[in-house]
Amino acid sequence: MVERRVIVSPPSETGGRHVLVDGEKLGTAYSLHDLSVFLQRAGLECLDEVDAAESPLIEWHGGGPEVWPATP
């Protein structure tokens, strides 16, 4: 199985975090739920919200899985 590189960017001014898998932007997540949906659509079906928060596959920038600022 080939490991994929997942990067969750720091929160933007609007509170969202860009999600990239292998360098391809999947979208902007505003919660762990959003992140898990993006990852599942990218073929990482095994990552639900809890798994995404704990997965070593995910590189968190600007704060970990608990950092989801409220949108203005």
PDB file of N, CA and C in Angstrom:
ATOM      1  N   MET A   1       0.850  -1.195   0.000  1.00  0.00           N
ATOM      2  CA  MET A   1       0.000   0.000   0.000  1.00  0.00           C
ATOM      3  C   MET A   1       0.886   1.245   0.000  1.00  0.00           C
ATOM      4  N   VAL A   2       0.600   2.167  -0.888  1.00  0.00           N
ATOM      5  CA  VAL A   2       1.356   3.400  -1.000  1.00  0.00           C
ATOM      6  C   VAL A   2       0.764   4.428  -0.040  1.00  0.00           C
ATOM      7  N   GLU A   3       1.639   5.016   0.793  1.00  0.00           N
ATOM      8  CA  GLU A   3       1.152   6.050   1.700  1.00  0.00           C
ATOM      9  C   GLU A   3       1.000   7.352   0.939  1.00  0.00           C
ATOM     10  N   ARG A   4      -0.032   8.067   1.306  1.00  0.00           N
ATOM     11  CA  ARG A   4      -0.292   9.349   0.663  1.00  0.00           C
ATOM     12  C   ARG A   4       0.057  10.448   1.641  1.00  0.00           C
ATOM     13  N   ARG A   5       0.496  11.570   1.119  1.00  0.00           N
ATOM     14  CA  ARG A   5       0.869  12.698   1.962  1.00  0.00           C
ATOM     15  C   ARG A   5      -0.330  13.638   2.074  1.00  0.00           C
ATOM     16  N   VAL A   6      -0.783  13.828   3.304  1.00  0.00           N
ATOM     17  CA  VAL A   6      -1.923  14.704   3.568  1.00  0.00           C
ATOM     18  C   VAL A   6      -1.424  15.884   4.391  1.00  0.00           C
ATOM     19  N   ILE A   7      -1.721  17.091   3.915  1.00  0.00           N
ATOM     20  CA  ILE A   7      -1.338  18.310   4.633  1.00  0.00           C
ATOM     21  C   ILE A   7      -2.587  19.129   4.907  1.00  0.00           C
ATOM     22  N   VAL A   8      -2.726  19.542   6.170  1.00  0.00           N
ATOM     23  CA  VAL A   8      -3.798  20.446   6.562  1.00  0.00           C
ATOM     24  C   VAL A   8      -3.116  21.760   6.933  1.00  0.00           C
ATOM     25  N   SER A   9      -3.424  22.813   6.186  1.00  0.00           N
ATOM     26  CA  SER A   9      -2.756  24.102   6.355  1.00  0.00           C
ATOM     27  C   SER A   9      -3.223  24.809   7.628  1.00  0.00           C
ATOM     28  N   PRO A  10      -2.503  25.863   8.019  1.00  0.00           N
ATOM     29  CA  PRO A  10      -2.963  26.666   9.157  1.00  0.00           C
ATOM     30  C   PRO A  10      -4.317  27.294   8.833  1.00  0.00           C
ATOM     31  N   PRO A  11      -5.088  27.634   9.853  1.00  0.00           N
ATOM     32  CA  PRO A  11      -6.375  28.283   9.609  1.00  0.00           C
ATOM     33  C   PRO A  11      -6.197  29.605   8.864  1.00  0.00           C
ATOM     34  N   SER A  12      -7.085  29.849   7.919  1.00  0.00           N
ATOM     35  CA  SER A  12      -7.066  31.111   7.182  1.00  0.00           C
ATOM     36  C   SER A  12      -7.824  32.161   7.983  1.00  0.00           C
ATOM     37  N   GLU A  13      -7.882  33.367   7.451  1.00  0.00           N
ATOM     38  CA  GLU A  13      -8.619  34.448   8.124  1.00  0.00           C
ATOM     39  C   GLU A  13     -10.100  34.126   8.272  1.00  0.00           C
ATOM     40  N   THR A  14     -10.616  33.266   7.384  1.00  0.00           N
ATOM     41  CA  THR A  14     -12.033  32.899   7.459  1.00  0.00           C
ATOM     42  C   THR A  14     -12.259  31.661   8.326  1.00  0.00           C
ATOM     43  N   GLY A  15     -11.158  31.087   8.857  1.00  0.00           N
ATOM     44  CA  GLY A  15     -11.275  29.944   9.749  1.00  0.00           C
ATOM     45  C   GLY A  15     -11.099  28.603   9.089  1.00  0.00           C
ATOM     46  N   GLY A  16     -11.155  28.553   7.770  1.00  0.00           N
ATOM     47  CA  GLY A  16     -11.000  27.287   7.071  1.00  0.00           C
ATOM     48  C   GLY A  16      -9.541  26.881   6.959  1.00  0.00           C
ATOM     49  N   ARG A  17      -9.327  25.586   6.725  1.00  0.00           N
ATOM     50  CA  ARG A  17      -7.980  25.047   6.556  1.00  0.00           C
ATOM     51  C   ARG A  17      -7.926  24.298   5.230  1.00  0.00           C
ATOM     52  N   HIS A  18      -6.991  24.695   4.353  1.00  0.00           N
ATOM     53  CA  HIS A  18      -6.835  24.023   3.066  1.00  0.00           C
ATOM     54  C   HIS A  18      -6.328  22.604   3.297  1.00  0.00           C
ATOM     55  N   VAL A  19      -6.864  21.688   2.516  1.00  0.00           N
ATOM     56  CA  VAL A  19      -6.493  20.283   2.617  1.00  0.00           C
ATOM     57  C   VAL A  19      -5.854  19.857   1.298  1.00  0.00           C
ATOM     58  N   LEU A  20      -4.639  19.316   1.390  1.00  0.00           N
ATOM     59  CA  LEU A  20      -3.929  18.825   0.214  1.00  0.00           C
ATOM     60  C   LEU A  20      -3.592  17.354   0.399  1.00  0.00           C
ATOM     61  N   VAL A  21      -3.775  16.588  -0.666  1.00  0.00           N
ATOM     62  CA  VAL A  21      -3.355  15.192  -0.680  1.00  0.00           C
ATOM     63  C   VAL A  21      -2.422  15.037  -1.871  1.00  0.00           C
ATOM     64  N   ASP A  22      -1.204  14.631  -1.575  1.00  0.00           N
ATOM     65  CA  ASP A  22      -0.172  14.480  -2.610  1.00  0.00           C
ATOM     66  C   ASP A  22      -0.042  15.743  -3.459  1.00  0.00           C
ATOM     67  N   GLY A  23      -0.139  16.914  -2.816  1.00  0.00           N
ATOM     68  CA  GLY A  23       0.031  18.189  -3.502  1.00  0.00           C
ATOM     69  C   GLY A  23      -1.205  18.723  -4.194  1.00  0.00           C
ATOM     70  N   GLU A  24      -2.284  17.957  -4.232  1.00  0.00           N
ATOM     71  CA  GLU A  24      -3.522  18.401  -4.880  1.00  0.00           C
ATOM     72  C   GLU A  24      -4.484  18.956  -3.838  1.00  0.00           C
ATOM     73  N   LYS A  25      -4.930  20.205  -4.063  1.00  0.00           N
ATOM     74  CA  LYS A  25      -5.859  20.818  -3.121  1.00  0.00           C
ATOM     75  C   LYS A  25      -7.237  20.181  -3.279  1.00  0.00           C
ATOM     76  N   LEU A  26      -7.747  19.668  -2.154  1.00  0.00           N
ATOM     77  CA  LEU A  26      -9.070  19.037  -2.170  1.00  0.00           C
ATOM     78  C   LEU A  26     -10.172  20.013  -1.808  1.00  0.00           C
ATOM     79  N   GLY A  27      -9.827  21.051  -1.067  1.00  0.00           N
ATOM     80  CA  GLY A  27     -10.825  22.021  -0.656  1.00  0.00           C
ATOM     81  C   GLY A  27     -10.444  22.650   0.666  1.00  0.00           C
ATOM     82  N   THR A  28     -11.389  23.363   1.251  1.00  0.00           N
ATOM     83  CA  THR A  28     -11.185  24.025   2.524  1.00  0.00           C
ATOM     84  C   THR A  28     -12.102  23.387   3.554  1.00  0.00           C
ATOM     85  N   ALA A  29     -11.492  22.859   4.602  1.00  0.00           N
ATOM     86  CA  ALA A  29     -12.249  22.211   5.673  1.00  0.00           C
ATOM     87  C   ALA A  29     -12.472  23.200   6.812  1.00  0.00           C
ATOM     88  N   TYR A  30     -13.644  23.127   7.411  1.00  0.00           N
ATOM     89  CA  TYR A  30     -13.980  23.971   8.555  1.00  0.00           C
ATOM     90  C   TYR A  30     -14.186  23.153   9.818  1.00  0.00           C
ATOM     91  N   SER A  31     -13.959  21.824   9.710  1.00  0.00           N
ATOM     92  CA  SER A  31     -14.129  20.921  10.848  1.00  0.00           C
ATOM     93  C   SER A  31     -13.486  19.581  10.513  1.00  0.00           C
ATOM     94  N   LEU A  32     -13.362  18.727  11.523  1.00  0.00           N
ATOM     95  CA  LEU A  32     -12.856  17.371  11.287  1.00  0.00           C
ATOM     96  C   LEU A  32     -13.795  16.606  10.367  1.00  0.00           C
ATOM     97  N   HIS A  33     -15.085  16.893  10.470  1.00  0.00           N
ATOM     98  CA  HIS A  33     -16.044  16.221   9.586  1.00  0.00           C
ATOM     99  C   HIS A  33     -15.739  16.560   8.131  1.00  0.00           C
ATOM    100  N   ASP A  34     -15.551  17.852   7.836  1.00  0.00           N
ATOM    101  CA  ASP A  34     -15.209  18.268   6.469  1.00  0.00           C
ATOM    102  C   ASP A  34     -13.940  17.563   6.007  1.00  0.00           C
ATOM    103  N   LEU A  35     -12.927  17.534   6.870  1.00  0.00           N
ATOM    104  CA  LEU A  35     -11.663  16.892   6.524  1.00  0.00           C
ATOM    105  C   LEU A  35     -11.880  15.424   6.185  1.00  0.00           C
ATOM    106  N   SER A  36     -12.644  14.718   7.009  1.00  0.00           N
ATOM    107  CA  SER A  36     -12.857  13.291   6.756  1.00  0.00           C
ATOM    108  C   SER A  36     -13.605  13.065   5.444  1.00  0.00           C
ATOM    109  N   VAL A  37     -14.530  13.946   5.105  1.00  0.00           N
ATOM    110  CA  VAL A  37     -15.253  13.826   3.828  1.00  0.00           C
ATOM    111  C   VAL A  37     -14.280  13.990   2.663  1.00  0.00           C
ATOM    112  N   PHE A  38     -13.410  14.999   2.724  1.00  0.00           N
ATOM    113  CA  PHE A  38     -12.419  15.201   1.657  1.00  0.00           C
ATOM    114  C   PHE A  38     -11.516  13.979   1.520  1.00  0.00           C
ATOM    115  N   LEU A  39     -11.069  13.445   2.644  1.00  0.00           N
ATOM    116  CA  LEU A  39     -10.158  12.308   2.611  1.00  0.00           C
ATOM    117  C   LEU A  39     -10.841  11.068   2.058  1.00  0.00           C
ATOM    118  N   GLN A  40     -12.079  10.860   2.416  1.00  0.00           N
ATOM    119  CA  GLN A  40     -12.824   9.709   1.902  1.00  0.00           C
ATOM    120  C   GLN A  40     -13.025   9.831   0.395  1.00  0.00           C
ATOM    121  N   ARG A  41     -13.306  11.035  -0.086  1.00  0.00           N
ATOM    122  CA  ARG A  41     -13.463  11.251  -1.531  1.00  0.00           C
ATOM    123  C   ARG A  41     -12.152  11.039  -2.280  1.00  0.00           C
ATOM    124  N   ALA A  42     -11.030  11.237  -1.570  1.00  0.00           N
ATOM    125  CA  ALA A  42      -9.712  11.053  -2.185  1.00  0.00           C
ATOM    126  C   ALA A  42      -9.254   9.598  -2.120  1.00  0.00           C
ATOM    127  N   GLY A  43     -10.134   8.721  -1.626  1.00  0.00           N
ATOM    128  CA  GLY A  43      -9.796   7.310  -1.582  1.00  0.00           C
ATOM    129  C   GLY A  43      -9.281   6.807  -0.251  1.00  0.00           C
ATOM    130  N   LEU A  44      -9.289   7.664   0.750  1.00  0.00           N
ATOM    131  CA  LEU A  44      -8.849   7.254   2.088  1.00  0.00           C
ATOM    132  C   LEU A  44     -10.082   6.969   2.946  1.00  0.00           C
ATOM    133  N   GLU A  45     -10.871   5.992   2.509  1.00  0.00           N
ATOM    134  CA  GLU A  45     -12.147   5.670   3.135  1.00  0.00           C
ATOM    135  C   GLU A  45     -12.021   5.284   4.601  1.00  0.00           C
ATOM    136  N   CYS A  46     -10.862   4.781   4.977  1.00  0.00           N
ATOM    137  CA  CYS A  46     -10.680   4.297   6.344  1.00  0.00           C
ATOM    138  C   CYS A  46     -10.544   5.427   7.363  1.00  0.00           C
ATOM    139  N   LEU A  47     -10.468   6.676   6.927  1.00  0.00           N
ATOM    140  CA  LEU A  47     -10.261   7.786   7.859  1.00  0.00           C
ATOM    141  C   LEU A  47     -11.557   8.524   8.156  1.00  0.00           C
ATOM    142  N   ASP A  48     -12.182   8.182   9.288  1.00  0.00           N
ATOM    143  CA  ASP A  48     -13.336   8.957   9.740  1.00  0.00           C
ATOM    144  C   ASP A  48     -12.809  10.104  10.602  1.00  0.00           C
ATOM    145  N   GLU A  49     -13.690  10.827  11.286  1.00  0.00           N
ATOM    146  CA  GLU A  49     -13.264  11.993  12.064  1.00  0.00           C
ATOM    147  C   GLU A  49     -12.264  11.640  13.155  1.00  0.00           C
ATOM    148  N   VAL A  50     -12.515  10.575  13.893  1.00  0.00           N
ATOM    149  CA  VAL A  50     -11.608  10.170  14.973  1.00  0.00           C
ATOM    150  C   VAL A  50     -10.273   9.726  14.402  1.00  0.00           C
ATOM    151  N   ASP A  51     -10.315   8.918  13.356  1.00  0.00           N
ATOM    152  CA  ASP A  51      -9.081   8.439  12.741  1.00  0.00           C
ATOM    153  C   ASP A  51      -8.270   9.590  12.151  1.00  0.00           C
ATOM    154  N   ALA A  52      -8.945  10.544  11.544  1.00  0.00           N
ATOM    155  CA  ALA A  52      -8.251  11.689  10.953  1.00  0.00           C
ATOM    156  C   ALA A  52      -7.523  12.487  12.026  1.00  0.00           C
ATOM    157  N   ALA A  53      -8.140  12.637  13.189  1.00  0.00           N
ATOM    158  CA  ALA A  53      -7.526  13.395  14.275  1.00  0.00           C
ATOM    159  C   ALA A  53      -6.272  12.707  14.807  1.00  0.00           C
ATOM    160  N   GLU A  54      -6.216  11.372  14.690  1.00  0.00           N
ATOM    161  CA  GLU A  54      -5.106  10.615  15.267  1.00  0.00           C
ATOM    162  C   GLU A  54      -4.131  10.057  14.233  1.00  0.00           C
ATOM    163  N   SER A  55      -4.414  10.204  12.965  1.00  0.00           N
ATOM    164  CA  SER A  55      -3.621   9.555  11.923  1.00  0.00           C
ATOM    165  C   SER A  55      -2.229  10.163  11.755  1.00  0.00           C
ATOM    166  N   PRO A  56      -1.213   9.316  11.693  1.00  0.00           N
ATOM    167  CA  PRO A  56       0.138   9.816  11.414  1.00  0.00           C
ATOM    168  C   PRO A  56       0.322  10.208   9.941  1.00  0.00           C
ATOM    169  N   LEU A  57      -0.659   9.895   9.093  1.00  0.00           N
ATOM    170  CA  LEU A  57      -0.593  10.279   7.677  1.00  0.00           C
ATOM    171  C   LEU A  57      -0.776  11.781   7.480  1.00  0.00           C
ATOM    172  N   ILE A  58      -1.409  12.428   8.463  1.00  0.00           N
ATOM    173  CA  ILE A  58      -1.769  13.839   8.298  1.00  0.00           C
ATOM    174  C   ILE A  58      -0.739  14.740   8.953  1.00  0.00           C
ATOM    175  N   GLU A  59      -0.252  15.694   8.165  1.00  0.00           N
ATOM    176  CA  GLU A  59       0.689  16.707   8.623  1.00  0.00           C
ATOM    177  C   GLU A  59      -0.125  17.959   8.948  1.00  0.00           C
ATOM    178  N   TRP A  60      -0.168  18.313  10.216  1.00  0.00           N
ATOM    179  CA  TRP A  60      -0.944  19.470  10.651  1.00  0.00           C
ATOM    180  C   TRP A  60      -0.031  20.689  10.736  1.00  0.00           C
ATOM    181  N   HIS A  61      -0.378  21.758  10.039  1.00  0.00           N
ATOM    182  CA  HIS A  61       0.390  23.003  10.078  1.00  0.00           C
ATOM    183  C   HIS A  61      -0.453  24.060  10.787  1.00  0.00           C
ATOM    184  N   GLY A  62       0.168  24.803  11.689  1.00  0.00           N
ATOM    185  CA  GLY A  62      -0.543  25.888  12.362  1.00  0.00           C
ATOM    186  C   GLY A  62      -1.550  25.403  13.392  1.00  0.00           C
ATOM    187  N   GLY A  63      -1.319  24.268  13.979  1.00  0.00           N
ATOM    188  CA  GLY A  63      -2.215  23.718  14.991  1.00  0.00           C
ATOM    189  C   GLY A  63      -2.722  22.357  14.580  1.00  0.00           C
ATOM    190  N   GLY A  64      -3.036  21.554  15.559  1.00  0.00           N
ATOM    191  CA  GLY A  64      -3.474  20.191  15.316  1.00  0.00           C
ATOM    192  C   GLY A  64      -4.955  20.081  15.035  1.00  0.00           C
ATOM    193  N   PRO A  65      -5.472  18.874  15.185  1.00  0.00           N
ATOM    194  CA  PRO A  65      -6.872  18.602  14.830  1.00  0.00           C
ATOM    195  C   PRO A  65      -7.898  19.308  15.715  1.00  0.00           C
ATOM    196  N   GLU A  66      -7.444  19.876  16.808  1.00  0.00           N
ATOM    197  CA  GLU A  66      -8.373  20.595  17.689  1.00  0.00           C
ATOM    198  C   GLU A  66      -8.527  22.068  17.311  1.00  0.00           C
ATOM    199  N   VAL A  67      -7.755  22.537  16.318  1.00  0.00           N
ATOM    200  CA  VAL A  67      -7.763  23.949  15.943  1.00  0.00           C
ATOM    201  C   VAL A  67      -8.663  24.186  14.737  1.00  0.00           C
ATOM    202  N   TRP A  68      -9.883  24.612  15.015  1.00  0.00           N
ATOM    203  CA  TRP A  68     -10.858  24.954  13.973  1.00  0.00           C
ATOM    204  C   TRP A  68     -11.536  26.260  14.402  1.00  0.00           C
ATOM    205  N   PRO A  69     -10.906  27.406  14.122  1.00  0.00           N
ATOM    206  CA  PRO A  69     -11.487  28.678  14.534  1.00  0.00           C
ATOM    207  C   PRO A  69     -12.878  28.888  13.946  1.00  0.00           C
ATOM    208  N   ALA A  70     -13.696  29.533  14.721  1.00  0.00           N
ATOM    209  CA  ALA A  70     -15.051  29.844  14.232  1.00  0.00           C
ATOM    210  C   ALA A  70     -14.966  30.814  13.068  1.00  0.00           C
ATOM    211  N   THR A  71     -15.846  30.652  12.107  1.00  0.00           N
ATOM    212  CA  THR A  71     -15.872  31.571  10.978  1.00  0.00           C
ATOM    213  C   THR A  71     -16.470  32.890  11.427  1.00  0.00           C
ATOM    214  N   PRO A  72     -15.986  34.009  10.861  1.00  0.00           N
ATOM    215  CA  PRO A  72     -16.493  35.335  11.266  1.00  0.00           C
ATOM    216  C   PRO A  72     -17.936  35.556  10.878  1.00  0.00           C
TER     217      PRO A  72
END
